[in-house]
Amino acid sequence: MPPERDCQVTTTPSVPTDPSASIPTPHGGGPQAGILNRPSEHLILAAFNITGDPSTTTTELRQVVKNELTSTLSSENDPSVAQAETGELGYAAHHDRAHLTITVGFASTAYDKLNVAQSSRPADLVPIPWDKLGDTPDDPNGGDIVLQICSDDPVVAEHVLRQVEHNVPGLSTAWAHTGVQRYTSRQGRVATREARGWIGFLDGTSNLDPAHVQDDYQLTFVNPDATDTYPAIPASGQPGPYGPTNAPTFPDDLRPFNGTEPGWTRDGTYLCARISVNDLATWDKASLDDQQATIGRRKVDGISSDLPGSPGQTDQTPPNFAANPEDETVAVSAHIRKANPRTADDLPRRIFRRGYPLYEGGSGTIRRGLIFLSYARSISTQFEFIFRAWLTNPDFPRPGAGIDRLRAFDTTVLTGGYYFVPPLDAPHEPWSWHLPTT
């Protein structure tokens, strides 16, 4: 199960106060939209394979994205030619986009097809290692390009996907999945206290806040001058921060961060996507005690199970195991403990989650699960380490701890991938994502 499953929703409405003061942006554009802004209600996550000339394809894709982000619709009426506009939004320009954002990411295979030199590529981008993650997805193909399309109007989001499919012939859709949020943080919407996932527990707990906290911003976005601060792989069999009698062991093939990031990657970020279906039929039959033991929190208020629930405590109150790692009131295999052990040594491994509950038709019933999306300055020292060294490692935080209990309800992995989301070249042109020259 992805890190901090109970922490999927972000409530970040703006960018950090003058982040360029400590993180200069050579291209002047900063991060892409769809990461720091308030989350919209509906998501389409779609992956594409490049089947045409890569340079022409990315140029055509950029134009479609620009049209969608400027409410530009075609009004062609010549019946003798195929129409560029598909018509479901009508033909009037300047339509309401319902807070549309389009975030574009590129897989390592995209840079292969674009013939980008290795030294000019994002240094930590590799194909997603499904076998090492312990997953067998229905579709292991992550595509070359991914679009995170978010809007408060599902038809506006659908129009983006359809226009890409209709007007960029050099792309072939690999897969597309839909998600929905009950809570978006917009004025008048459901309060944050009611932001819950399909499993009924609070979302948004223990997440990074890169829009307001500079240290969190630096964990989310690449700074080529700071790669020497990335955490190293810890030694196995050392008690360390997990208590004097807790000596976890780690997989011997964990991937370290190697190399340096090209200058153009500044304010870019790595996107890890994993789409899975949850066994809610079994989950719903579990007792409240079993559910709370699986997560490590109380269901009604999100407070850690090792806290007494005294007045003033909230889901943001640190668990007792953070200060007393040998306290196993919250089991060592509980989700919040496997996903975030909360030691000082582990703070640099945190990731920014911006996932959506999966909600789409399927045989028998609606398919419910999680479109897990995380953003971070690296993959190897953050998402991949969390997933392999913590969540699925039976010997963390101590030998014999077992894997994350929540994985028992994560029954089917559909697809996903690793991508780099490049920064913008122009701050007010969200379609100006940077592509390095070959």
Protein backbone atom coordinates (compact mmCIF):
# COMPACT_ATOMS: atom_id res chain seq x y z
CA MET A 1 0.00 0.00 0.00
CA PRO A 2 1.45 3.42 -0.86
CA PRO A 3 2.93 5.64 1.86
CA GLU A 4 0.47 7.14 4.37
CA ARG A 5 -2.67 5.92 2.64
CA ASP A 6 -4.60 8.08 5.10
CA CYS A 7 -2.86 11.19 3.80
CA GLN A 8 -3.95 11.69 0.21
CA VAL A 9 -5.56 15.13 0.09
CA THR A 10 -3.58 18.35 0.06
CA THR A 11 -4.98 21.63 1.25
CA THR A 12 -2.39 23.92 -0.28
CA PRO A 13 -3.95 26.91 -2.05
CA SER A 14 -0.84 28.90 -3.01
CA VAL A 15 2.88 28.74 -3.71
CA PRO A 16 5.48 29.42 -1.01
CA THR A 17 6.25 33.02 -0.21
CA ASP A 18 8.97 33.94 -2.70
CA PRO A 19 10.48 30.45 -3.03
CA SER A 20 12.96 31.88 -5.57
CA ALA A 21 14.67 33.69 -2.70
CA SER A 22 16.46 30.43 -1.85
CA ILE A 23 15.66 28.33 -4.93
CA PRO A 24 16.36 30.39 -8.06
CA THR A 25 14.55 29.32 -11.23
CA PRO A 26 16.75 29.71 -14.33
CA HIS A 27 13.76 29.37 -16.64
CA GLY A 28 11.64 31.72 -14.57
CA GLY A 29 8.53 29.59 -14.59
CA GLY A 30 8.57 27.57 -11.38
CA PRO A 31 6.59 24.35 -10.90
CA GLN A 32 3.73 23.25 -13.13
CA ALA A 33 0.13 23.84 -12.07
CA GLY A 34 -1.73 20.96 -10.48
CA ILE A 35 0.78 20.43 -7.67
CA LEU A 36 0.62 23.38 -5.28
CA ASN A 37 -2.86 24.66 -6.05
CA ARG A 38 -6.10 23.54 -4.42
CA PRO A 39 -7.18 20.13 -5.65
CA SER A 40 -10.15 20.02 -7.99
CA GLU A 41 -13.02 17.59 -7.55
CA HIS A 42 -12.35 15.33 -10.55
CA LEU A 43 -9.24 13.69 -11.94
CA ILE A 44 -8.38 11.89 -15.15
CA LEU A 45 -4.92 10.35 -15.06
CA ALA A 46 -3.95 9.22 -18.55
CA ALA A 47 -0.76 7.73 -19.98
CA PHE A 48 0.24 7.83 -23.64
CA ASN A 49 2.76 6.11 -25.89
CA ILE A 50 4.60 8.24 -28.44
CA THR A 51 3.94 6.62 -31.83
CA GLY A 52 4.89 9.48 -34.16
CA ASP A 53 7.83 11.82 -34.50
CA PRO A 54 8.58 12.71 -30.86
CA SER A 55 9.44 16.36 -31.52
CA THR A 56 6.32 16.97 -33.59
CA THR A 57 4.17 15.05 -31.13
CA THR A 58 5.28 17.06 -28.10
CA THR A 59 4.77 20.30 -30.05
CA GLU A 60 1.24 19.28 -30.99
CA LEU A 61 0.52 18.17 -27.43
CA ARG A 62 1.71 21.52 -26.11
CA GLN A 63 -0.68 23.32 -28.47
CA VAL A 64 -3.66 21.22 -27.35
CA VAL A 65 -2.80 21.83 -23.71
CA LYS A 66 -2.53 25.56 -24.38
CA ASN A 67 -5.92 25.58 -26.11
CA GLU A 68 -7.53 23.77 -23.18
CA LEU A 69 -5.97 26.07 -20.60
CA THR A 70 -7.09 29.19 -22.46
CA SER A 71 -10.65 27.99 -23.21
CA THR A 72 -9.95 28.02 -26.93
CA LEU A 73 -12.50 26.05 -28.96
CA SER A 74 -12.63 25.61 -32.72
CA SER A 75 -15.65 26.95 -34.61
CA GLU A 76 -14.94 25.13 -37.88
CA ASN A 77 -18.12 24.34 -39.81
CA ASP A 78 -16.81 22.97 -43.11
CA PRO A 79 -18.66 19.63 -43.49
CA SER A 80 -16.06 18.38 -45.96
CA VAL A 81 -13.25 18.16 -43.38
CA ALA A 82 -12.86 16.40 -40.05
CA GLN A 83 -13.63 18.78 -37.22
CA ALA A 84 -10.89 19.72 -34.79
CA GLU A 85 -13.51 20.43 -32.12
CA THR A 86 -15.39 17.43 -30.76
CA GLY A 87 -18.30 19.54 -29.57
CA GLU A 88 -19.21 18.31 -26.09
CA LEU A 89 -18.33 21.73 -24.61
CA GLY A 90 -20.01 23.58 -27.46
CA TYR A 91 -18.25 26.06 -29.71
CA ALA A 92 -18.10 29.24 -27.62
CA ALA A 93 -14.61 30.36 -26.67
CA HIS A 94 -13.74 31.49 -23.13
CA HIS A 95 -15.85 28.82 -21.46
CA ASP A 96 -15.60 28.20 -17.72
CA ARG A 97 -12.77 25.69 -17.18
CA ALA A 98 -13.89 24.92 -13.60
CA HIS A 99 -10.37 25.30 -12.14
CA LEU A 100 -8.79 23.09 -14.79
CA THR A 101 -5.14 22.15 -14.40
CA ILE A 102 -3.10 19.92 -16.72
CA THR A 103 0.15 18.56 -15.32
CA VAL A 104 2.49 16.88 -17.82
CA GLY A 105 5.09 14.27 -16.92
CA PHE A 106 7.62 12.33 -18.99
CA ALA A 107 8.82 8.76 -18.44
CA SER A 108 12.39 7.67 -19.11
CA THR A 109 11.20 6.15 -22.39
CA ALA A 110 10.05 9.58 -23.56
CA TYR A 111 13.56 10.96 -23.13
CA ASP A 112 14.82 7.88 -25.00
CA LYS A 113 12.56 8.66 -27.95
CA LEU A 114 13.47 12.35 -27.84
CA ASN A 115 17.16 11.35 -28.01
CA VAL A 116 18.01 13.42 -24.95
CA ALA A 117 21.60 12.83 -23.82
CA GLN A 118 21.92 10.96 -20.52
CA SER A 119 23.73 13.92 -18.94
CA SER A 120 20.76 16.17 -19.76
CA ARG A 121 18.09 13.89 -18.29
CA PRO A 122 16.58 13.88 -14.80
CA ALA A 123 19.15 11.86 -12.90
CA ASP A 124 16.79 9.69 -10.83
CA LEU A 125 14.31 8.74 -13.56
CA VAL A 126 14.13 5.01 -14.36
CA PRO A 127 11.36 2.65 -15.48
CA ILE A 128 9.19 1.65 -12.55
CA PRO A 129 10.57 -1.64 -11.10
CA TRP A 130 7.28 -3.48 -10.56
CA ASP A 131 8.95 -6.71 -9.44
CA LYS A 132 11.00 -4.99 -6.74
CA LEU A 133 7.92 -3.14 -5.51
CA GLY A 134 6.21 -6.51 -5.12
CA ASP A 135 3.42 -5.61 -7.56
CA THR A 136 2.06 -7.46 -10.58
CA PRO A 137 -0.05 -4.85 -12.37
CA ASP A 138 -2.73 -5.68 -14.88
CA ASP A 139 -0.97 -3.28 -17.26
CA PRO A 140 2.72 -2.67 -16.48
CA ASN A 141 3.06 -0.14 -19.32
CA GLY A 142 3.35 3.32 -17.82
CA GLY A 143 3.50 4.99 -21.22
CA ASP A 144 5.90 7.70 -22.34
CA ILE A 145 3.87 10.71 -21.22
CA VAL A 146 1.33 11.11 -18.42
CA LEU A 147 -1.31 13.81 -18.02
CA GLN A 148 -2.83 14.64 -14.65
CA ILE A 149 -6.05 16.42 -15.66
CA CYS A 150 -8.03 18.00 -12.80
CA SER A 151 -11.23 20.05 -12.90
CA ASP A 152 -14.36 20.63 -10.85
CA ASP A 153 -16.32 19.66 -13.98
CA PRO A 154 -15.74 16.07 -15.18
CA VAL A 155 -16.77 16.99 -18.74
CA VAL A 156 -14.08 19.69 -18.88
CA ALA A 157 -11.51 17.08 -17.83
CA GLU A 158 -12.88 14.59 -20.36
CA HIS A 159 -12.63 17.20 -23.11
CA VAL A 160 -8.89 17.51 -22.51
CA LEU A 161 -8.36 13.78 -22.91
CA ARG A 162 -10.57 13.59 -25.98
CA GLN A 163 -8.86 16.55 -27.65
CA VAL A 164 -5.45 14.98 -27.07
CA GLU A 165 -6.68 11.71 -28.56
CA HIS A 166 -8.40 13.53 -31.44
CA ASN A 167 -5.78 16.13 -32.35
CA VAL A 168 -2.39 14.63 -31.47
CA PRO A 169 -2.05 11.70 -33.89
CA GLY A 170 1.47 10.92 -32.65
CA LEU A 171 0.11 9.75 -29.30
CA SER A 172 -1.67 6.52 -28.46
CA THR A 173 -3.56 6.23 -25.16
CA ALA A 174 -2.08 3.48 -22.97
CA TRP A 175 -4.64 3.81 -20.15
CA ALA A 176 -6.84 6.32 -18.38
CA HIS A 177 -8.39 6.24 -14.91
CA THR A 178 -10.79 8.53 -13.08
CA GLY A 179 -10.79 9.74 -9.51
CA VAL A 180 -12.98 12.00 -7.40
CA GLN A 181 -12.55 14.07 -4.24
CA ARG A 182 -15.25 14.84 -1.72
CA TYR A 183 -13.13 17.63 -0.28
CA THR A 184 -11.37 20.23 -2.44
CA SER A 185 -10.66 23.02 0.11
CA ARG A 186 -12.63 25.55 -1.93
CA GLN A 187 -14.76 28.04 -0.09
CA GLY A 188 -18.16 26.56 0.67
CA ARG A 189 -17.04 22.98 0.11
CA VAL A 190 -16.95 20.15 2.63
CA ALA A 191 -14.75 20.94 5.62
CA THR A 192 -11.31 19.39 5.93
CA ARG A 193 -12.48 17.41 8.97
CA GLU A 194 -14.69 15.39 6.63
CA ALA A 195 -11.93 14.56 4.12
CA ARG A 196 -12.01 10.78 4.23
CA GLY A 197 -11.00 7.95 1.93
CA TRP A 198 -13.06 4.92 0.94
CA ILE A 199 -11.85 3.17 4.08
CA GLY A 200 -13.52 5.85 6.21
CA PHE A 201 -10.40 7.27 7.87
CA LEU A 202 -9.31 10.89 7.66
CA ASP A 203 -7.25 11.91 4.65
CA GLY A 204 -4.62 14.63 4.67
CA THR A 205 -2.88 13.69 7.91
CA SER A 206 0.89 14.02 8.16
CA ASN A 207 1.27 15.33 4.60
CA LEU A 208 3.88 17.85 3.46
CA ASP A 209 2.80 21.44 2.87
CA PRO A 210 5.15 22.69 0.13
CA ALA A 211 2.94 25.69 -0.61
CA HIS A 212 3.58 27.21 2.79
CA VAL A 213 6.62 25.50 4.33
CA GLN A 214 9.94 26.09 2.65
CA ASP A 215 11.53 22.88 3.97
CA ASP A 216 8.60 20.91 2.52
CA TYR A 217 8.98 22.74 -0.79
CA GLN A 218 12.61 21.63 -0.93
CA LEU A 219 11.59 18.01 -0.32
CA THR A 220 9.09 18.22 -3.17
CA PHE A 221 10.99 20.03 -5.92
CA VAL A 222 14.44 19.47 -7.38
CA ASN A 223 17.28 21.78 -6.45
CA PRO A 224 20.36 20.72 -8.45
CA ASP A 225 22.60 22.43 -5.88
CA ALA A 226 21.31 20.35 -2.97
CA THR A 227 21.57 16.72 -4.11
CA ASP A 228 24.39 16.11 -1.64
CA THR A 229 21.81 16.47 1.14
CA TYR A 230 19.81 13.42 0.02
CA PRO A 231 19.78 10.65 2.67
CA ALA A 232 21.98 7.61 2.20
CA ILE A 233 20.89 3.99 2.47
CA PRO A 234 21.11 3.00 6.15
CA ALA A 235 23.09 -0.01 7.31
CA SER A 236 21.18 -3.15 8.24
CA GLY A 237 21.21 -4.53 11.76
CA GLN A 238 21.82 -1.19 13.49
CA PRO A 239 19.45 -0.10 16.30
CA GLY A 240 19.77 3.56 15.34
CA PRO A 241 16.68 5.74 15.80
CA TYR A 242 14.17 2.86 16.10
CA GLY A 243 14.99 1.98 19.67
CA PRO A 244 17.90 0.21 21.41
CA THR A 245 16.52 -3.26 20.71
CA ASN A 246 15.11 -2.56 17.24
CA ALA A 247 17.67 -3.31 14.53
CA PRO A 248 15.88 -3.40 11.16
CA THR A 249 17.36 -5.00 8.07
CA PHE A 250 16.92 -3.54 4.60
CA PRO A 251 16.89 -5.01 1.08
CA ASP A 252 20.44 -5.23 -0.21
CA ASP A 253 19.51 -3.85 -3.64
CA LEU A 254 17.98 -0.53 -2.60
CA ARG A 255 18.77 2.09 -5.21
CA PRO A 256 20.89 5.06 -4.06
CA PHE A 257 20.69 8.45 -5.72
CA ASN A 258 23.56 8.71 -8.18
CA GLY A 259 24.85 11.59 -10.21
CA THR A 260 23.82 15.22 -10.39
CA GLU A 261 20.69 16.90 -11.68
CA PRO A 262 20.93 19.08 -14.81
CA GLY A 263 20.33 22.77 -14.14
CA TRP A 264 17.09 22.85 -16.11
CA THR A 265 15.41 20.44 -13.65
CA ARG A 266 15.25 23.09 -10.92
CA ASP A 267 11.66 23.31 -9.63
CA GLY A 268 10.76 20.15 -11.50
CA THR A 269 9.59 17.12 -9.53
CA TYR A 270 9.32 13.35 -9.74
CA LEU A 271 5.82 11.89 -9.96
CA CYS A 272 5.17 8.33 -8.79
CA ALA A 273 1.76 6.96 -9.80
CA ARG A 274 0.18 3.72 -8.65
CA ILE A 275 -3.46 2.85 -9.38
CA SER A 276 -4.99 0.05 -7.32
CA VAL A 277 -8.35 -1.46 -6.40
CA ASN A 278 -9.24 -2.04 -2.75
CA ASP A 279 -11.14 -4.99 -1.30
CA LEU A 280 -13.73 -2.85 0.46
CA ALA A 281 -16.17 -5.76 0.80
CA THR A 282 -13.74 -7.43 3.19
CA TRP A 283 -12.71 -4.15 4.80
CA ASP A 284 -16.30 -3.15 5.55
CA LYS A 285 -16.89 -6.46 7.39
CA ALA A 286 -13.85 -6.00 9.63
CA SER A 287 -14.54 -4.87 13.19
CA LEU A 288 -13.80 -1.29 14.20
CA ASP A 289 -10.99 -2.52 16.44
CA ASP A 290 -9.40 -4.42 13.54
CA GLN A 291 -9.69 -1.44 11.21
CA GLN A 292 -8.13 0.91 13.74
CA ALA A 293 -5.35 -1.57 14.48
CA THR A 294 -4.62 -1.81 10.75
CA ILE A 295 -4.30 1.95 10.34
CA GLY A 296 -2.99 2.86 13.78
CA ARG A 297 -5.49 5.69 14.24
CA ARG A 298 -8.93 6.11 15.70
CA LYS A 299 -11.51 6.19 12.92
CA VAL A 300 -13.72 8.94 14.31
CA ASP A 301 -11.06 11.64 14.81
CA GLY A 302 -7.79 10.35 13.33
CA ILE A 303 -5.88 10.52 16.61
CA SER A 304 -3.06 8.00 16.92
CA SER A 305 -4.11 4.87 18.81
CA ASP A 306 -1.24 5.23 21.29
CA LEU A 307 -2.56 8.60 22.54
CA PRO A 308 -5.26 8.89 25.21
CA GLY A 309 -7.41 11.30 23.20
CA SER A 310 -7.04 14.14 25.68
CA PRO A 311 -8.58 17.57 24.98
CA GLY A 312 -6.57 19.47 22.40
CA GLN A 313 -5.20 16.40 20.64
CA THR A 314 -5.92 16.04 16.91
CA ASP A 315 -4.84 13.87 14.01
CA GLN A 316 -1.83 16.22 13.76
CA THR A 317 -0.65 15.36 17.29
CA PRO A 318 2.51 13.22 16.93
CA PRO A 319 2.02 9.56 17.88
CA ASN A 320 3.66 8.39 21.07
CA PHE A 321 5.88 5.98 19.10
CA ALA A 322 7.59 9.00 17.51
CA ALA A 323 9.26 9.73 20.85
CA ASN A 324 9.17 6.18 22.23
CA PRO A 325 9.89 3.82 19.31
CA GLU A 326 9.65 0.70 21.46
CA ASP A 327 6.07 1.50 22.45
CA GLU A 328 4.03 -0.95 20.36
CA THR A 329 0.57 0.23 21.35
CA VAL A 330 0.43 1.11 17.67
CA ALA A 331 1.60 -2.17 16.15
CA VAL A 332 4.85 -2.07 14.22
CA SER A 333 2.93 -3.34 11.16
CA ALA A 334 0.22 -0.64 11.42
CA HIS A 335 0.01 1.57 8.36
CA ILE A 336 0.94 4.91 9.93
CA ARG A 337 4.01 3.35 11.50
CA LYS A 338 5.19 1.50 8.40
CA ALA A 339 4.61 4.51 6.15
CA ASN A 340 6.14 7.16 8.37
CA PRO A 341 8.29 6.12 11.36
CA ARG A 342 8.73 9.81 12.25
CA THR A 343 12.37 9.75 13.34
CA ALA A 344 14.64 12.71 12.71
CA ASP A 345 16.77 10.58 10.39
CA ASP A 346 13.74 9.85 8.23
CA LEU A 347 12.39 13.39 7.79
CA PRO A 348 14.25 13.88 4.44
CA ARG A 349 12.39 10.87 2.99
CA ARG A 350 8.90 12.36 3.24
CA ILE A 351 6.85 12.84 0.08
CA PHE A 352 4.00 15.11 -0.96
CA ARG A 353 0.84 13.10 -1.64
CA ARG A 354 -1.84 14.37 -3.98
CA GLY A 355 -3.85 11.23 -4.70
CA TYR A 356 -7.49 10.73 -5.62
CA PRO A 357 -9.86 7.92 -4.66
CA LEU A 358 -10.36 5.71 -7.71
CA TYR A 359 -14.01 5.73 -8.77
CA GLU A 360 -15.00 4.13 -12.05
CA GLY A 361 -17.29 1.52 -13.55
CA GLY A 362 -16.39 -2.13 -13.50
CA SER A 363 -17.96 -5.53 -13.87
CA GLY A 364 -20.26 -6.37 -10.97
CA THR A 365 -19.99 -3.06 -9.16
CA ILE A 366 -18.22 0.29 -9.15
CA ARG A 367 -14.46 -0.12 -8.96
CA ARG A 368 -13.12 1.70 -5.89
CA GLY A 369 -9.53 2.13 -4.91
CA LEU A 370 -6.76 4.70 -5.01
CA ILE A 371 -5.00 6.71 -7.67
CA PHE A 372 -1.89 7.26 -5.60
CA LEU A 373 0.15 10.26 -6.75
CA SER A 374 3.25 11.50 -4.98
CA TYR A 375 5.65 14.32 -5.79
CA ALA A 376 9.22 14.45 -4.52
CA ARG A 377 12.71 15.71 -5.34
CA SER A 378 13.85 12.14 -5.95
CA ILE A 379 12.40 8.67 -6.41
CA SER A 380 15.18 6.50 -5.00
CA THR A 381 15.55 8.21 -1.61
CA GLN A 382 11.85 8.93 -1.10
CA PHE A 383 8.97 6.94 -2.69
CA GLU A 384 10.99 3.88 -3.65
CA PHE A 385 12.77 3.73 -0.30
CA ILE A 386 9.52 4.17 1.64
CA PHE A 387 7.80 1.45 -0.36
CA ARG A 388 10.60 -1.11 -0.30
CA ALA A 389 12.50 -0.40 2.92
CA TRP A 390 9.45 0.32 5.08
CA LEU A 391 6.01 -0.67 3.78
CA THR A 392 6.81 -4.06 2.25
CA ASN A 393 9.84 -4.88 4.39
CA PRO A 394 8.89 -7.53 7.01
CA ASP A 395 11.96 -6.62 9.06
CA PHE A 396 11.20 -2.94 9.62
CA PRO A 397 11.19 -1.24 12.10
CA ARG A 398 12.42 -4.42 13.76
CA PRO A 399 12.99 -8.00 12.56
CA GLY A 400 9.71 -9.88 12.26
CA ALA A 401 7.53 -6.77 12.20
CA GLY A 402 5.65 -7.89 9.09
CA ILE A 403 4.56 -5.87 6.09
CA ASP A 404 2.04 -3.01 6.17
CA ARG A 405 -1.29 -4.49 7.27
CA LEU A 406 -3.21 -2.30 4.84
CA ARG A 407 -1.70 -4.12 1.87
CA ALA A 408 -4.03 -7.04 2.60
CA PHE A 409 -6.87 -4.88 1.28
CA ASP A 410 -4.92 -3.55 -1.75
CA THR A 411 -5.91 -6.48 -3.92
CA THR A 412 -5.36 -5.43 -7.52
CA VAL A 413 -2.75 -3.08 -8.95
CA LEU A 414 -3.99 -1.77 -12.28
CA THR A 415 -1.04 0.25 -13.55
CA GLY A 416 1.21 3.24 -12.85
CA GLY A 417 4.69 4.56 -13.53
CA TYR A 418 7.57 6.89 -12.73
CA TYR A 419 7.67 10.31 -14.42
CA PHE A 420 9.49 13.60 -14.28
CA VAL A 421 7.30 16.70 -14.24
CA PRO A 422 9.50 19.46 -15.71
CA PRO A 423 9.34 23.08 -14.60
CA LEU A 424 7.81 25.84 -16.69
CA ASP A 425 9.82 28.19 -18.85
CA ALA A 426 7.33 31.04 -18.34
CA PRO A 427 5.49 31.68 -15.06
CA HIS A 428 2.13 32.56 -16.60
CA GLU A 429 2.15 29.95 -19.37
CA PRO A 430 1.25 26.59 -17.79
CA TRP A 431 1.79 24.86 -21.14
CA SER A 432 5.46 25.98 -21.27
CA TRP A 433 6.90 22.86 -19.60
CA HIS A 434 10.58 22.56 -20.38
CA LEU A 435 12.00 19.93 -22.70
CA PRO A 436 15.81 19.70 -22.95
CA THR A 437 17.37 19.85 -26.38
CA THR A 438 18.78 16.63 -27.78
